Each structure stands twice: as structure tokens, then as C-alpha cells.
Amino acid sequence: MGIFDKFKSQGRHKARKGSDGAEQRMNEKTGGRYEDQIDAGQQQVEGSLGMDRDRDRPEQR
């Protein structure tokens, strides 16, 4: 792996961490009432930025 690949990987990791953190904060602020809409919005933004990933998460209820 070249140095640029390493930087690209680190940047992708930070972007995902930031995206997940923003989603979590929004869910906390809304009391989880809009969790589905927030998740859909996050997926749409990540998709437009080329950050698609599997979204298999266990239910948290």
C-alpha cells in the first residue's frame, strides 16, 4: 500500500466516524423519533460522496 492509499483510507475512516457521530447526535436530539429518516438521509449523503457501505445493524429497541 502506498502512502497516498494510506491517507485515503484514513480520510475515509474519519469521514465515516464523523457521519456516524452526526447521526447519533441527531437521534439523541430528536429522541429517536426520526431515526429512519435520519438514517435514510445519511445513506443518501454517503452514497453521493462515494462512501457506500453495508447498513446491517441490529435493532436497538
C-alpha atoms as a PDB file:
ATOM      1  CA  MET A   1       0.000   0.000   0.000  1.00  0.00           C
ATOM      2  CA  GLY A   2       1.354   3.357  -0.989  1.00  0.00           C
ATOM      3  CA  ILE A   3       1.387   6.429   1.183  1.00  0.00           C
ATOM      4  CA  PHE A   4      -1.489   8.016  -0.737  1.00  0.00           C
ATOM      5  CA  ASP A   5      -3.615   4.908  -0.244  1.00  0.00           C
ATOM      6  CA  LYS A   6      -2.913   5.141   3.479  1.00  0.00           C
ATOM      7  CA  PHE A   7      -4.034   8.792   3.595  1.00  0.00           C
ATOM      8  CA  LYS A   8      -7.133   7.963   1.553  1.00  0.00           C
ATOM      9  CA  SER A   9      -8.016   5.160   3.962  1.00  0.00           C
ATOM     10  CA  GLN A  10      -7.532   7.406   6.993  1.00  0.00           C
ATOM     11  CA  GLY A  11      -9.691  10.131   5.453  1.00  0.00           C
ATOM     12  CA  ARG A  12     -12.450   7.665   4.658  1.00  0.00           C
ATOM     13  CA  HIS A  13     -12.351   6.363   8.228  1.00  0.00           C
ATOM     14  CA  LYS A  14     -12.610   9.879   9.692  1.00  0.00           C
ATOM     15  CA  ALA A  15     -15.491  10.770   7.380  1.00  0.00           C
ATOM     16  CA  ARG A  16     -17.448   7.668   8.401  1.00  0.00           C
ATOM     17  CA  LYS A  17     -16.768   8.333  12.070  1.00  0.00           C
ATOM     18  CA  GLY A  18     -17.997  11.907  11.679  1.00  0.00           C
ATOM     19  CA  SER A  19     -21.073  10.801   9.761  1.00  0.00           C
ATOM     20  CA  ASP A  20     -21.958   8.220  12.407  1.00  0.00           C
ATOM     21  CA  GLY A  21     -21.406  10.756  15.182  1.00  0.00           C
ATOM     22  CA  ALA A  22     -23.679  13.290  13.494  1.00  0.00           C
ATOM     23  CA  GLU A  23     -26.368  10.638  13.049  1.00  0.00           C
ATOM     24  CA  GLN A  24     -26.132   9.664  16.703  1.00  0.00           C
ATOM     25  CA  ARG A  25     -26.377  13.286  17.903  1.00  0.00           C
ATOM     26  CA  MET A  26     -29.425  13.951  15.708  1.00  0.00           C
ATOM     27  CA  ASN A  27     -31.127  10.811  17.020  1.00  0.00           C
ATOM     28  CA  GLU A  28     -30.399  11.901  20.598  1.00  0.00           C
ATOM     29  CA  LYS A  29     -31.769  15.420  19.975  1.00  0.00           C
ATOM     30  CA  THR A  30     -34.985  14.082  18.438  1.00  0.00           C
ATOM     31  CA  GLY A  31     -35.410  11.275  20.938  1.00  0.00           C
ATOM     32  CA  GLY A  32     -35.173   8.700  18.146  1.00  0.00           C
ATOM     33  CA  ARG A  33     -38.496   9.820  16.626  1.00  0.00           C
ATOM     34  CA  TYR A  34     -36.956  10.396  13.186  1.00  0.00           C
ATOM     35  CA  GLU A  35     -34.376   7.626  13.204  1.00  0.00           C
ATOM     36  CA  ASP A  36     -35.495   6.127   9.881  1.00  0.00           C
ATOM     37  CA  GLN A  37     -35.458   9.495   8.103  1.00  0.00           C
ATOM     38  CA  ILE A  38     -32.073  10.432   9.570  1.00  0.00           C
ATOM     39  CA  ASP A  39     -30.609   7.080   8.532  1.00  0.00           C
ATOM     40  CA  ALA A  40     -32.017   7.455   5.012  1.00  0.00           C
ATOM     41  CA  GLY A  41     -30.520  10.937   4.752  1.00  0.00           C
ATOM     42  CA  GLN A  42     -27.155   9.712   5.983  1.00  0.00           C
ATOM     43  CA  GLN A  43     -27.160   6.900   3.428  1.00  0.00           C
ATOM     44  CA  GLN A  44     -28.023   9.338   0.656  1.00  0.00           C
ATOM     45  CA  VAL A  45     -25.213  11.722   1.604  1.00  0.00           C
ATOM     46  CA  GLU A  46     -22.682   8.906   1.986  1.00  0.00           C
ATOM     47  CA  GLY A  47     -23.756   7.482  -1.372  1.00  0.00           C
ATOM     48  CA  SER A  48     -23.272  10.815  -3.119  1.00  0.00           C
ATOM     49  CA  LEU A  49     -19.801  11.067  -1.570  1.00  0.00           C
ATOM     50  CA  GLY A  50     -18.883   7.512  -2.584  1.00  0.00           C
ATOM     51  CA  MET A  51     -18.950   6.219   0.976  1.00  0.00           C
ATOM     52  CA  ASP A  52     -21.496   3.433   0.382  1.00  0.00           C
ATOM     53  CA  ARG A  53     -21.333   0.584   2.849  1.00  0.00           C
ATOM     54  CA  ASP A  54     -23.433  -2.185   4.249  1.00  0.00           C
ATOM     55  CA  ARG A  55     -26.016  -0.912   6.688  1.00  0.00           C
ATOM     56  CA  ASP A  56     -26.788  -4.145   8.522  1.00  0.00           C
ATOM     57  CA  ARG A  57     -27.318  -3.097  12.102  1.00  0.00           C
ATOM     58  CA  PRO A  58     -29.064  -4.939  14.896  1.00  0.00           C
ATOM     59  CA  GLU A  59     -32.300  -3.434  16.147  1.00  0.00           C
ATOM     60  CA  GLN A  60     -31.685  -1.191  19.172  1.00  0.00           C
ATOM     61  CA  ARG A  61     -35.203  -1.281  20.624  1.00  0.00           C
END
